[in-house]
């Protein structure tokens, strides 16, 4: 059976890896460019993991063949702006809204080239599908609308709230600020993966010790957040990181700070 989609995972190495596993950080950008042509050659969507995305546009990365999206005429590069008249704030939200809906009506921004220039035009596309049926639209993963809403709720009306996040996710949270989805007072603080080191930059491999070092650095600079928002993605269902440390060690280590975990 032919593949419907392909996911290419970026190679990674840690400080525990042998020296020969080290590679230049430019490789990630080179792979991203390489995939643009590969997707056309394979005639099906090819996505990079992690996606290295820096905006929240619901940009179509590809369309699965013989799917409702292909039959409706959606194309790679289209940007979904609304689903059934409701504005979407991210690719993740667009994906779930489209999948959930019965015969969703999409407002789409499409860039097409005329004789000299690329011109953006707005078109309406209706997908014929059942509620809950996969649409065949492929997006790069960015931020869930619910996560953005919860951060906004916690940070609103605070004088100096800080969101601690991974290097991979930081550009997405900054994009949410640019789109005025988060309070302008919110500071996005990147937590480096010091324990694993190397090229590791995703939230899932952050440890309590990494968060501790980030907060210690802030306090040495005499930066005192009135709220510290910590994502729970680095922790398992019981709240432990990969080293066996529980996230509640943070409030214990920094009793002068107020924490919110989500």
C-alpha atoms as a PDB file:
ATOM      1  CA  UNK A   1       0.000   0.000   0.000  1.00  0.00           C
ATOM      2  CA  UNK A   2       1.348   3.421  -0.952  1.00  0.00           C
ATOM      3  CA  UNK A   3       1.976   5.926   1.839  1.00  0.00           C
ATOM      4  CA  UNK A   4      -0.580   8.719   2.283  1.00  0.00           C
ATOM      5  CA  UNK A   5       1.815  11.023   4.165  1.00  0.00           C
ATOM      6  CA  UNK A   6       5.472  11.016   5.216  1.00  0.00           C
ATOM      7  CA  UNK A   7       6.892  12.466   8.430  1.00  0.00           C
ATOM      8  CA  UNK A   8      10.612  13.176   8.528  1.00  0.00           C
ATOM      9  CA  UNK A   9      12.009  13.455  12.044  1.00  0.00           C
ATOM     10  CA  UNK A  10      14.962  15.765  12.534  1.00  0.00           C
ATOM     11  CA  UNK A  11      18.068  13.974  13.806  1.00  0.00           C
ATOM     12  CA  UNK A  12      19.084  14.846  17.326  1.00  0.00           C
ATOM     13  CA  UNK A  13      21.977  14.335  19.674  1.00  0.00           C
ATOM     14  CA  UNK A  14      22.599  14.993  23.365  1.00  0.00           C
ATOM     15  CA  UNK A  15      25.672  15.728  25.448  1.00  0.00           C
ATOM     16  CA  UNK A  16      25.764  11.979  26.128  1.00  0.00           C
ATOM     17  CA  UNK A  17      26.089  11.142  22.417  1.00  0.00           C
ATOM     18  CA  UNK A  18      29.422  10.244  20.780  1.00  0.00           C
ATOM     19  CA  UNK A  19      31.211  13.130  19.072  1.00  0.00           C
ATOM     20  CA  UNK A  20      30.554  11.741  15.599  1.00  0.00           C
ATOM     21  CA  UNK A  21      26.791  12.247  16.157  1.00  0.00           C
ATOM     22  CA  UNK A  22      27.225  16.032  16.349  1.00  0.00           C
ATOM     23  CA  UNK A  23      26.059  17.956  13.279  1.00  0.00           C
ATOM     24  CA  UNK A  24      25.858  21.602  12.322  1.00  0.00           C
ATOM     25  CA  UNK A  25      22.662  23.366  13.342  1.00  0.00           C
ATOM     26  CA  UNK A  26      22.232  24.544   9.734  1.00  0.00           C
ATOM     27  CA  UNK A  27      21.170  20.980   8.873  1.00  0.00           C
ATOM     28  CA  UNK A  28      17.666  21.650  10.195  1.00  0.00           C
ATOM     29  CA  UNK A  29      17.090  24.522   7.785  1.00  0.00           C
ATOM     30  CA  UNK A  30      18.641  22.556   4.927  1.00  0.00           C
ATOM     31  CA  UNK A  31      16.284  19.631   5.566  1.00  0.00           C
ATOM     32  CA  UNK A  32      13.299  21.978   5.596  1.00  0.00           C
ATOM     33  CA  UNK A  33      14.256  23.345   2.169  1.00  0.00           C
ATOM     34  CA  UNK A  34      14.910  19.830   0.846  1.00  0.00           C
ATOM     35  CA  UNK A  35      11.422  18.725   1.846  1.00  0.00           C
ATOM     36  CA  UNK A  36       9.780  21.388  -0.298  1.00  0.00           C
ATOM     37  CA  UNK A  37      10.935  19.620  -3.450  1.00  0.00           C
ATOM     38  CA  UNK A  38      10.559  16.105  -2.056  1.00  0.00           C
ATOM     39  CA  UNK A  39       6.859  16.641  -1.353  1.00  0.00           C
ATOM     40  CA  UNK A  40       6.261  17.521  -5.015  1.00  0.00           C
ATOM     41  CA  UNK A  41       8.251  14.507  -6.227  1.00  0.00           C
ATOM     42  CA  UNK A  42       6.409  12.029  -3.975  1.00  0.00           C
ATOM     43  CA  UNK A  43       2.984  13.475  -4.824  1.00  0.00           C
ATOM     44  CA  UNK A  44       1.871  13.311  -1.203  1.00  0.00           C
ATOM     45  CA  UNK A  45       2.379  15.459   1.917  1.00  0.00           C
ATOM     46  CA  UNK A  46       5.795  15.386   3.586  1.00  0.00           C
ATOM     47  CA  UNK A  47       6.149  17.161   6.935  1.00  0.00           C
ATOM     48  CA  UNK A  48       9.086  17.843   9.193  1.00  0.00           C
ATOM     49  CA  UNK A  49       9.064  16.962  12.906  1.00  0.00           C
ATOM     50  CA  UNK A  50       9.478  19.264  14.752  1.00  0.00           C
ATOM     51  CA  UNK A  51       8.139  21.644  12.104  1.00  0.00           C
ATOM     52  CA  UNK A  52      10.375  24.694  12.870  1.00  0.00           C
ATOM     53  CA  UNK A  53       7.270  26.835  12.480  1.00  0.00           C
ATOM     54  CA  UNK A  54       7.435  30.500  13.514  1.00  0.00           C
ATOM     55  CA  UNK A  55       3.847  31.631  12.955  1.00  0.00           C
ATOM     56  CA  UNK A  56       0.333  30.414  13.729  1.00  0.00           C
ATOM     57  CA  UNK A  57      -1.042  30.552  10.196  1.00  0.00           C
ATOM     58  CA  UNK A  58      -3.208  27.535   9.351  1.00  0.00           C
ATOM     59  CA  UNK A  59      -1.092  26.818   6.292  1.00  0.00           C
ATOM     60  CA  UNK A  60      -1.887  23.648   4.345  1.00  0.00           C
ATOM     61  CA  UNK A  61       1.305  21.577   4.164  1.00  0.00           C
ATOM     62  CA  UNK A  62      -0.283  19.024   1.878  1.00  0.00           C
ATOM     63  CA  UNK A  63      -3.465  17.261   0.876  1.00  0.00           C
ATOM     64  CA  UNK A  64      -3.980  13.488   1.043  1.00  0.00           C
ATOM     65  CA  UNK A  65      -5.012  12.032  -2.279  1.00  0.00           C
ATOM     66  CA  UNK A  66      -8.622  10.975  -2.808  1.00  0.00           C
ATOM     67  CA  UNK A  67      -9.619  12.793   0.403  1.00  0.00           C
ATOM     68  CA  UNK A  68     -12.461  15.315   0.865  1.00  0.00           C
ATOM     69  CA  UNK A  69      -9.832  18.078   0.816  1.00  0.00           C
ATOM     70  CA  UNK A  70      -8.451  16.978  -2.548  1.00  0.00           C
ATOM     71  CA  UNK A  71     -11.919  16.590  -4.049  1.00  0.00           C
ATOM     72  CA  UNK A  72     -12.793  20.115  -2.851  1.00  0.00           C
ATOM     73  CA  UNK A  73      -9.696  21.605  -4.492  1.00  0.00           C
ATOM     74  CA  UNK A  74      -7.577  22.568  -1.487  1.00  0.00           C
ATOM     75  CA  UNK A  75      -3.901  22.997  -2.354  1.00  0.00           C
ATOM     76  CA  UNK A  76      -0.569  22.986  -0.585  1.00  0.00           C
ATOM     77  CA  UNK A  77       0.206  26.532   0.541  1.00  0.00           C
ATOM     78  CA  UNK A  78      -3.428  27.547   1.071  1.00  0.00           C
ATOM     79  CA  UNK A  79      -4.058  29.362   4.358  1.00  0.00           C
ATOM     80  CA  UNK A  80      -7.318  28.588   6.158  1.00  0.00           C
ATOM     81  CA  UNK A  81      -8.650  31.746   7.828  1.00  0.00           C
ATOM     82  CA  UNK A  82     -12.125  30.636   8.959  1.00  0.00           C
ATOM     83  CA  UNK A  83     -14.060  27.378   9.407  1.00  0.00           C
ATOM     84  CA  UNK A  84     -17.844  27.760   9.140  1.00  0.00           C
ATOM     85  CA  UNK A  85     -17.444  31.492   9.649  1.00  0.00           C
ATOM     86  CA  UNK A  86     -15.312  31.201  12.806  1.00  0.00           C
ATOM     87  CA  UNK A  87     -11.792  32.589  12.683  1.00  0.00           C
ATOM     88  CA  UNK A  88      -9.097  30.033  13.511  1.00  0.00           C
ATOM     89  CA  UNK A  89      -6.014  31.090  15.428  1.00  0.00           C
ATOM     90  CA  UNK A  90      -3.673  28.219  14.569  1.00  0.00           C
ATOM     91  CA  UNK A  91      -3.105  25.213  12.349  1.00  0.00           C
ATOM     92  CA  UNK A  92      -3.990  22.837  15.196  1.00  0.00           C
ATOM     93  CA  UNK A  93      -7.313  24.574  15.769  1.00  0.00           C
ATOM     94  CA  UNK A  94      -8.103  24.536  12.034  1.00  0.00           C
ATOM     95  CA  UNK A  95      -7.319  20.808  11.846  1.00  0.00           C
ATOM     96  CA  UNK A  96      -9.693  19.844  14.657  1.00  0.00           C
ATOM     97  CA  UNK A  97     -12.457  22.244  13.630  1.00  0.00           C
ATOM     98  CA  UNK A  98     -12.433  20.903  10.078  1.00  0.00           C
ATOM     99  CA  UNK A  99     -12.343  17.270  11.223  1.00  0.00           C
ATOM    100  CA  UNK A 100     -15.203  17.775  13.671  1.00  0.00           C
ATOM    101  CA  UNK A 101     -17.496  19.579  11.230  1.00  0.00           C
ATOM    102  CA  UNK A 102     -20.092  18.247   8.801  1.00  0.00           C
ATOM    103  CA  UNK A 103     -19.478  19.684   5.314  1.00  0.00           C
ATOM    104  CA  UNK A 104     -17.340  22.568   6.633  1.00  0.00           C
ATOM    105  CA  UNK A 105     -17.184  25.838   4.709  1.00  0.00           C
ATOM    106  CA  UNK A 106     -13.664  27.246   4.595  1.00  0.00           C
ATOM    107  CA  UNK A 107     -12.414  30.734   3.863  1.00  0.00           C
ATOM    108  CA  UNK A 108      -9.043  30.293   2.187  1.00  0.00           C
ATOM    109  CA  UNK A 109      -6.266  32.708   1.297  1.00  0.00           C
ATOM    110  CA  UNK A 110      -4.433  31.513  -1.796  1.00  0.00           C
ATOM    111  CA  UNK A 111      -1.359  32.955  -3.465  1.00  0.00           C
ATOM    112  CA  UNK A 112      -1.282  32.615  -7.258  1.00  0.00           C
ATOM    113  CA  UNK A 113       1.176  33.922  -9.815  1.00  0.00           C
ATOM    114  CA  UNK A 114       0.089  36.022 -12.743  1.00  0.00           C
ATOM    115  CA  UNK A 115       2.408  37.080 -15.533  1.00  0.00           C
ATOM    116  CA  UNK A 116       4.728  38.969 -13.154  1.00  0.00           C
ATOM    117  CA  UNK A 117       3.734  38.733  -9.496  1.00  0.00           C
ATOM    118  CA  UNK A 118       2.208  36.537  -6.804  1.00  0.00           C
ATOM    119  CA  UNK A 119      -1.234  37.775  -5.831  1.00  0.00           C
ATOM    120  CA  UNK A 120      -3.256  36.801  -2.759  1.00  0.00           C
ATOM    121  CA  UNK A 121      -6.919  36.093  -3.279  1.00  0.00           C
ATOM    122  CA  UNK A 122      -9.680  34.954  -0.959  1.00  0.00           C
ATOM    123  CA  UNK A 123     -11.799  31.974  -1.968  1.00  0.00           C
ATOM    124  CA  UNK A 124     -14.498  29.865  -0.318  1.00  0.00           C
ATOM    125  CA  UNK A 125     -14.216  26.090  -0.375  1.00  0.00           C
ATOM    126  CA  UNK A 126     -16.744  23.567   0.927  1.00  0.00           C
ATOM    127  CA  UNK A 127     -15.569  20.107   1.985  1.00  0.00           C
ATOM    128  CA  UNK A 128     -18.072  17.290   1.588  1.00  0.00           C
ATOM    129  CA  UNK A 129     -17.478  15.079   4.613  1.00  0.00           C
ATOM    130  CA  UNK A 130     -19.173  13.571   7.639  1.00  0.00           C
ATOM    131  CA  UNK A 131     -18.729  15.035  11.099  1.00  0.00           C
ATOM    132  CA  UNK A 132     -15.651  13.432  12.652  1.00  0.00           C
ATOM    133  CA  UNK A 133     -14.397  12.115   9.306  1.00  0.00           C
ATOM    134  CA  UNK A 134     -10.754  12.926   8.450  1.00  0.00           C
ATOM    135  CA  UNK A 135     -10.556  15.776   5.957  1.00  0.00           C
ATOM    136  CA  UNK A 136      -7.230  14.923   4.334  1.00  0.00           C
ATOM    137  CA  UNK A 137      -5.733  18.331   5.151  1.00  0.00           C
ATOM    138  CA  UNK A 138      -2.206  18.169   6.589  1.00  0.00           C
ATOM    139  CA  UNK A 139      -0.911  20.950   8.857  1.00  0.00           C
ATOM    140  CA  UNK A 140       2.301  21.427  10.812  1.00  0.00           C
ATOM    141  CA  UNK A 141       1.706  21.251  14.553  1.00  0.00           C
ATOM    142  CA  UNK A 142       1.731  24.608  16.345  1.00  0.00           C
ATOM    143  CA  UNK A 143      -0.396  25.702  19.352  1.00  0.00           C
ATOM    144  CA  UNK A 144      -3.742  24.459  20.588  1.00  0.00           C
ATOM    145  CA  UNK A 145      -6.330  27.211  20.971  1.00  0.00           C
ATOM    146  CA  UNK A 146      -7.198  25.948  24.460  1.00  0.00           C
ATOM    147  CA  UNK A 147      -3.564  26.261  25.584  1.00  0.00           C
ATOM    148  CA  UNK A 148      -3.388  29.836  24.326  1.00  0.00           C
ATOM    149  CA  UNK A 149      -6.656  30.658  26.079  1.00  0.00           C
ATOM    150  CA  UNK A 150      -5.489  29.203  29.396  1.00  0.00           C
ATOM    151  CA  UNK A 151      -2.177  31.092  29.312  1.00  0.00           C
ATOM    152  CA  UNK A 152      -4.073  34.283  28.469  1.00  0.00           C
ATOM    153  CA  UNK A 153      -6.463  33.745  31.390  1.00  0.00           C
ATOM    154  CA  UNK A 154      -3.664  33.099  33.882  1.00  0.00           C
ATOM    155  CA  UNK A 155      -1.475  35.994  32.693  1.00  0.00           C
ATOM    156  CA  UNK A 156      -4.208  38.601  32.303  1.00  0.00           C
ATOM    157  CA  UNK A 157      -4.144  41.441  34.839  1.00  0.00           C
ATOM    158  CA  UNK A 158      -0.702  40.406  36.062  1.00  0.00           C
ATOM    159  CA  UNK A 159       2.063  42.991  36.272  1.00  0.00           C
ATOM    160  CA  UNK A 160       4.989  40.742  35.272  1.00  0.00           C
ATOM    161  CA  UNK A 161       3.928  37.224  34.204  1.00  0.00           C
ATOM    162  CA  UNK A 162       6.488  34.850  32.711  1.00  0.00           C
ATOM    163  CA  UNK A 163       5.827  31.824  30.501  1.00  0.00           C
ATOM    164  CA  UNK A 164       8.651  29.274  30.610  1.00  0.00           C
ATOM    165  CA  UNK A 165       8.850  27.381  27.348  1.00  0.00           C
ATOM    166  CA  UNK A 166      11.157  25.329  25.165  1.00  0.00           C
ATOM    167  CA  UNK A 167      13.314  26.832  22.420  1.00  0.00           C
ATOM    168  CA  UNK A 168      11.219  25.016  19.783  1.00  0.00           C
ATOM    169  CA  UNK A 169       7.898  26.428  21.026  1.00  0.00           C
ATOM    170  CA  UNK A 170       9.084  29.970  21.855  1.00  0.00           C
ATOM    171  CA  UNK A 171       8.554  31.389  18.317  1.00  0.00           C
ATOM    172  CA  UNK A 172       4.954  30.140  18.376  1.00  0.00           C
ATOM    173  CA  UNK A 173       4.207  31.837  21.696  1.00  0.00           C
ATOM    174  CA  UNK A 174       5.843  35.017  20.405  1.00  0.00           C
ATOM    175  CA  UNK A 175       3.563  34.776  17.371  1.00  0.00           C
ATOM    176  CA  UNK A 176       0.564  34.506  19.698  1.00  0.00           C
ATOM    177  CA  UNK A 177       1.699  37.734  21.371  1.00  0.00           C
ATOM    178  CA  UNK A 178       2.035  39.484  17.997  1.00  0.00           C
ATOM    179  CA  UNK A 179      -1.506  38.411  17.159  1.00  0.00           C
ATOM    180  CA  UNK A 180      -2.657  39.977  20.474  1.00  0.00           C
ATOM    181  CA  UNK A 181      -3.840  36.603  21.754  1.00  0.00           C
ATOM    182  CA  UNK A 182      -1.767  37.070  24.919  1.00  0.00           C
ATOM    183  CA  UNK A 183      -1.205  40.059  27.223  1.00  0.00           C
ATOM    184  CA  UNK A 184       1.628  42.323  26.114  1.00  0.00           C
ATOM    185  CA  UNK A 185       3.035  42.142  29.672  1.00  0.00           C
ATOM    186  CA  UNK A 186       3.690  38.402  29.289  1.00  0.00           C
ATOM    187  CA  UNK A 187       7.380  37.583  28.947  1.00  0.00           C
ATOM    188  CA  UNK A 188       8.358  34.464  27.001  1.00  0.00           C
ATOM    189  CA  UNK A 189      11.389  32.913  28.714  1.00  0.00           C
ATOM    190  CA  UNK A 190      13.258  30.150  26.889  1.00  0.00           C
ATOM    191  CA  UNK A 191      14.303  27.199  29.062  1.00  0.00           C
ATOM    192  CA  UNK A 192      17.423  25.616  27.621  1.00  0.00           C
ATOM    193  CA  UNK A 193      17.766  21.859  27.825  1.00  0.00           C
ATOM    194  CA  UNK A 194      20.899  21.802  29.921  1.00  0.00           C
ATOM    195  CA  UNK A 195      20.522  18.259  31.224  1.00  0.00           C
ATOM    196  CA  UNK A 196      20.359  16.535  27.835  1.00  0.00           C
ATOM    197  CA  UNK A 197      22.120  19.341  25.942  1.00  0.00           C
ATOM    198  CA  UNK A 198      23.212  18.939  22.341  1.00  0.00           C
ATOM    199  CA  UNK A 199      20.561  19.774  19.766  1.00  0.00           C
ATOM    200  CA  UNK A 200      17.635  18.960  22.066  1.00  0.00           C
ATOM    201  CA  UNK A 201      15.172  21.863  22.075  1.00  0.00           C
ATOM    202  CA  UNK A 202      11.705  20.339  22.583  1.00  0.00           C
ATOM    203  CA  UNK A 203       9.573  20.661  25.725  1.00  0.00           C
ATOM    204  CA  UNK A 204       9.155  16.913  26.211  1.00  0.00           C
ATOM    205  CA  UNK A 205      12.810  16.510  27.226  1.00  0.00           C
ATOM    206  CA  UNK A 206      13.072  19.450  29.625  1.00  0.00           C
ATOM    207  CA  UNK A 207      13.723  18.577  33.267  1.00  0.00           C
ATOM    208  CA  UNK A 208      12.978  20.216  36.607  1.00  0.00           C
ATOM    209  CA  UNK A 209      16.672  21.135  36.871  1.00  0.00           C
ATOM    210  CA  UNK A 210      16.404  23.027  33.565  1.00  0.00           C
ATOM    211  CA  UNK A 211      13.503  25.094  34.909  1.00  0.00           C
ATOM    212  CA  UNK A 212      15.416  25.706  38.148  1.00  0.00           C
ATOM    213  CA  UNK A 213      18.431  27.070  36.257  1.00  0.00           C
ATOM    214  CA  UNK A 214      16.190  29.362  34.220  1.00  0.00           C
ATOM    215  CA  UNK A 215      14.574  30.799  37.348  1.00  0.00           C
ATOM    216  CA  UNK A 216      17.901  31.160  39.146  1.00  0.00           C
ATOM    217  CA  UNK A 217      19.181  33.194  36.217  1.00  0.00           C
ATOM    218  CA  UNK A 218      16.146  35.478  36.327  1.00  0.00           C
ATOM    219  CA  UNK A 219      16.517  36.054  40.058  1.00  0.00           C
ATOM    220  CA  UNK A 220      20.232  36.862  39.709  1.00  0.00           C
ATOM    221  CA  UNK A 221      19.213  39.554  37.214  1.00  0.00           C
ATOM    222  CA  UNK A 222      16.750  40.777  39.840  1.00  0.00           C
ATOM    223  CA  UNK A 223      13.815  39.917  37.581  1.00  0.00           C
ATOM    224  CA  UNK A 224      10.932  38.955  39.864  1.00  0.00           C
ATOM    225  CA  UNK A 225       7.897  37.551  38.007  1.00  0.00           C
ATOM    226  CA  UNK A 226       4.581  37.901  39.819  1.00  0.00           C
ATOM    227  CA  UNK A 227       3.494  34.676  38.116  1.00  0.00           C
ATOM    228  CA  UNK A 228       5.519  31.836  36.577  1.00  0.00           C
ATOM    229  CA  UNK A 229       3.578  29.709  34.087  1.00  0.00           C
ATOM    230  CA  UNK A 230       5.100  26.264  33.530  1.00  0.00           C
ATOM    231  CA  UNK A 231       3.893  23.848  30.810  1.00  0.00           C
ATOM    232  CA  UNK A 232       3.237  20.269  31.889  1.00  0.00           C
ATOM    233  CA  UNK A 233       4.416  18.679  28.626  1.00  0.00           C
ATOM    234  CA  UNK A 234       7.825  17.721  30.096  1.00  0.00           C
ATOM    235  CA  UNK A 235       6.105  15.685  32.820  1.00  0.00           C
ATOM    236  CA  UNK A 236       4.254  12.390  32.851  1.00  0.00           C
ATOM    237  CA  UNK A 237       0.711  11.848  34.094  1.00  0.00           C
ATOM    238  CA  UNK A 238       1.918  11.831  37.697  1.00  0.00           C
ATOM    239  CA  UNK A 239       4.012  14.982  37.292  1.00  0.00           C
ATOM    240  CA  UNK A 240       7.510  13.469  37.009  1.00  0.00           C
ATOM    241  CA  UNK A 241      10.182  14.393  34.481  1.00  0.00           C
ATOM    242  CA  UNK A 242      12.536  11.912  32.795  1.00  0.00           C
ATOM    243  CA  UNK A 243      14.902  12.059  35.770  1.00  0.00           C
ATOM    244  CA  UNK A 244      12.151  11.214  38.246  1.00  0.00           C
ATOM    245  CA  UNK A 245      11.821  14.739  39.674  1.00  0.00           C
ATOM    246  CA  UNK A 246       8.319  16.111  40.329  1.00  0.00           C
ATOM    247  CA  UNK A 247       7.315  19.552  39.100  1.00  0.00           C
ATOM    248  CA  UNK A 248       6.228  20.508  42.629  1.00  0.00           C
ATOM    249  CA  UNK A 249       9.934  20.798  43.447  1.00  0.00           C
ATOM    250  CA  UNK A 250       9.808  24.198  41.762  1.00  0.00           C
ATOM    251  CA  UNK A 251       7.436  25.925  44.232  1.00  0.00           C
ATOM    252  CA  UNK A 252       9.414  24.324  47.067  1.00  0.00           C
ATOM    253  CA  UNK A 253      12.708  25.656  45.692  1.00  0.00           C
ATOM    254  CA  UNK A 254      11.326  29.143  44.956  1.00  0.00           C
ATOM    255  CA  UNK A 255       8.797  29.945  47.709  1.00  0.00           C
ATOM    256  CA  UNK A 256       9.018  33.658  46.842  1.00  0.00           C
ATOM    257  CA  UNK A 257       7.412  33.012  43.432  1.00  0.00           C
ATOM    258  CA  UNK A 258       3.825  32.205  42.441  1.00  0.00           C
ATOM    259  CA  UNK A 259       3.458  29.280  40.019  1.00  0.00           C
ATOM    260  CA  UNK A 260       0.776  28.107  37.621  1.00  0.00           C
ATOM    261  CA  UNK A 261       1.124  24.713  35.899  1.00  0.00           C
ATOM    262  CA  UNK A 262      -0.807  23.914  32.729  1.00  0.00           C
END
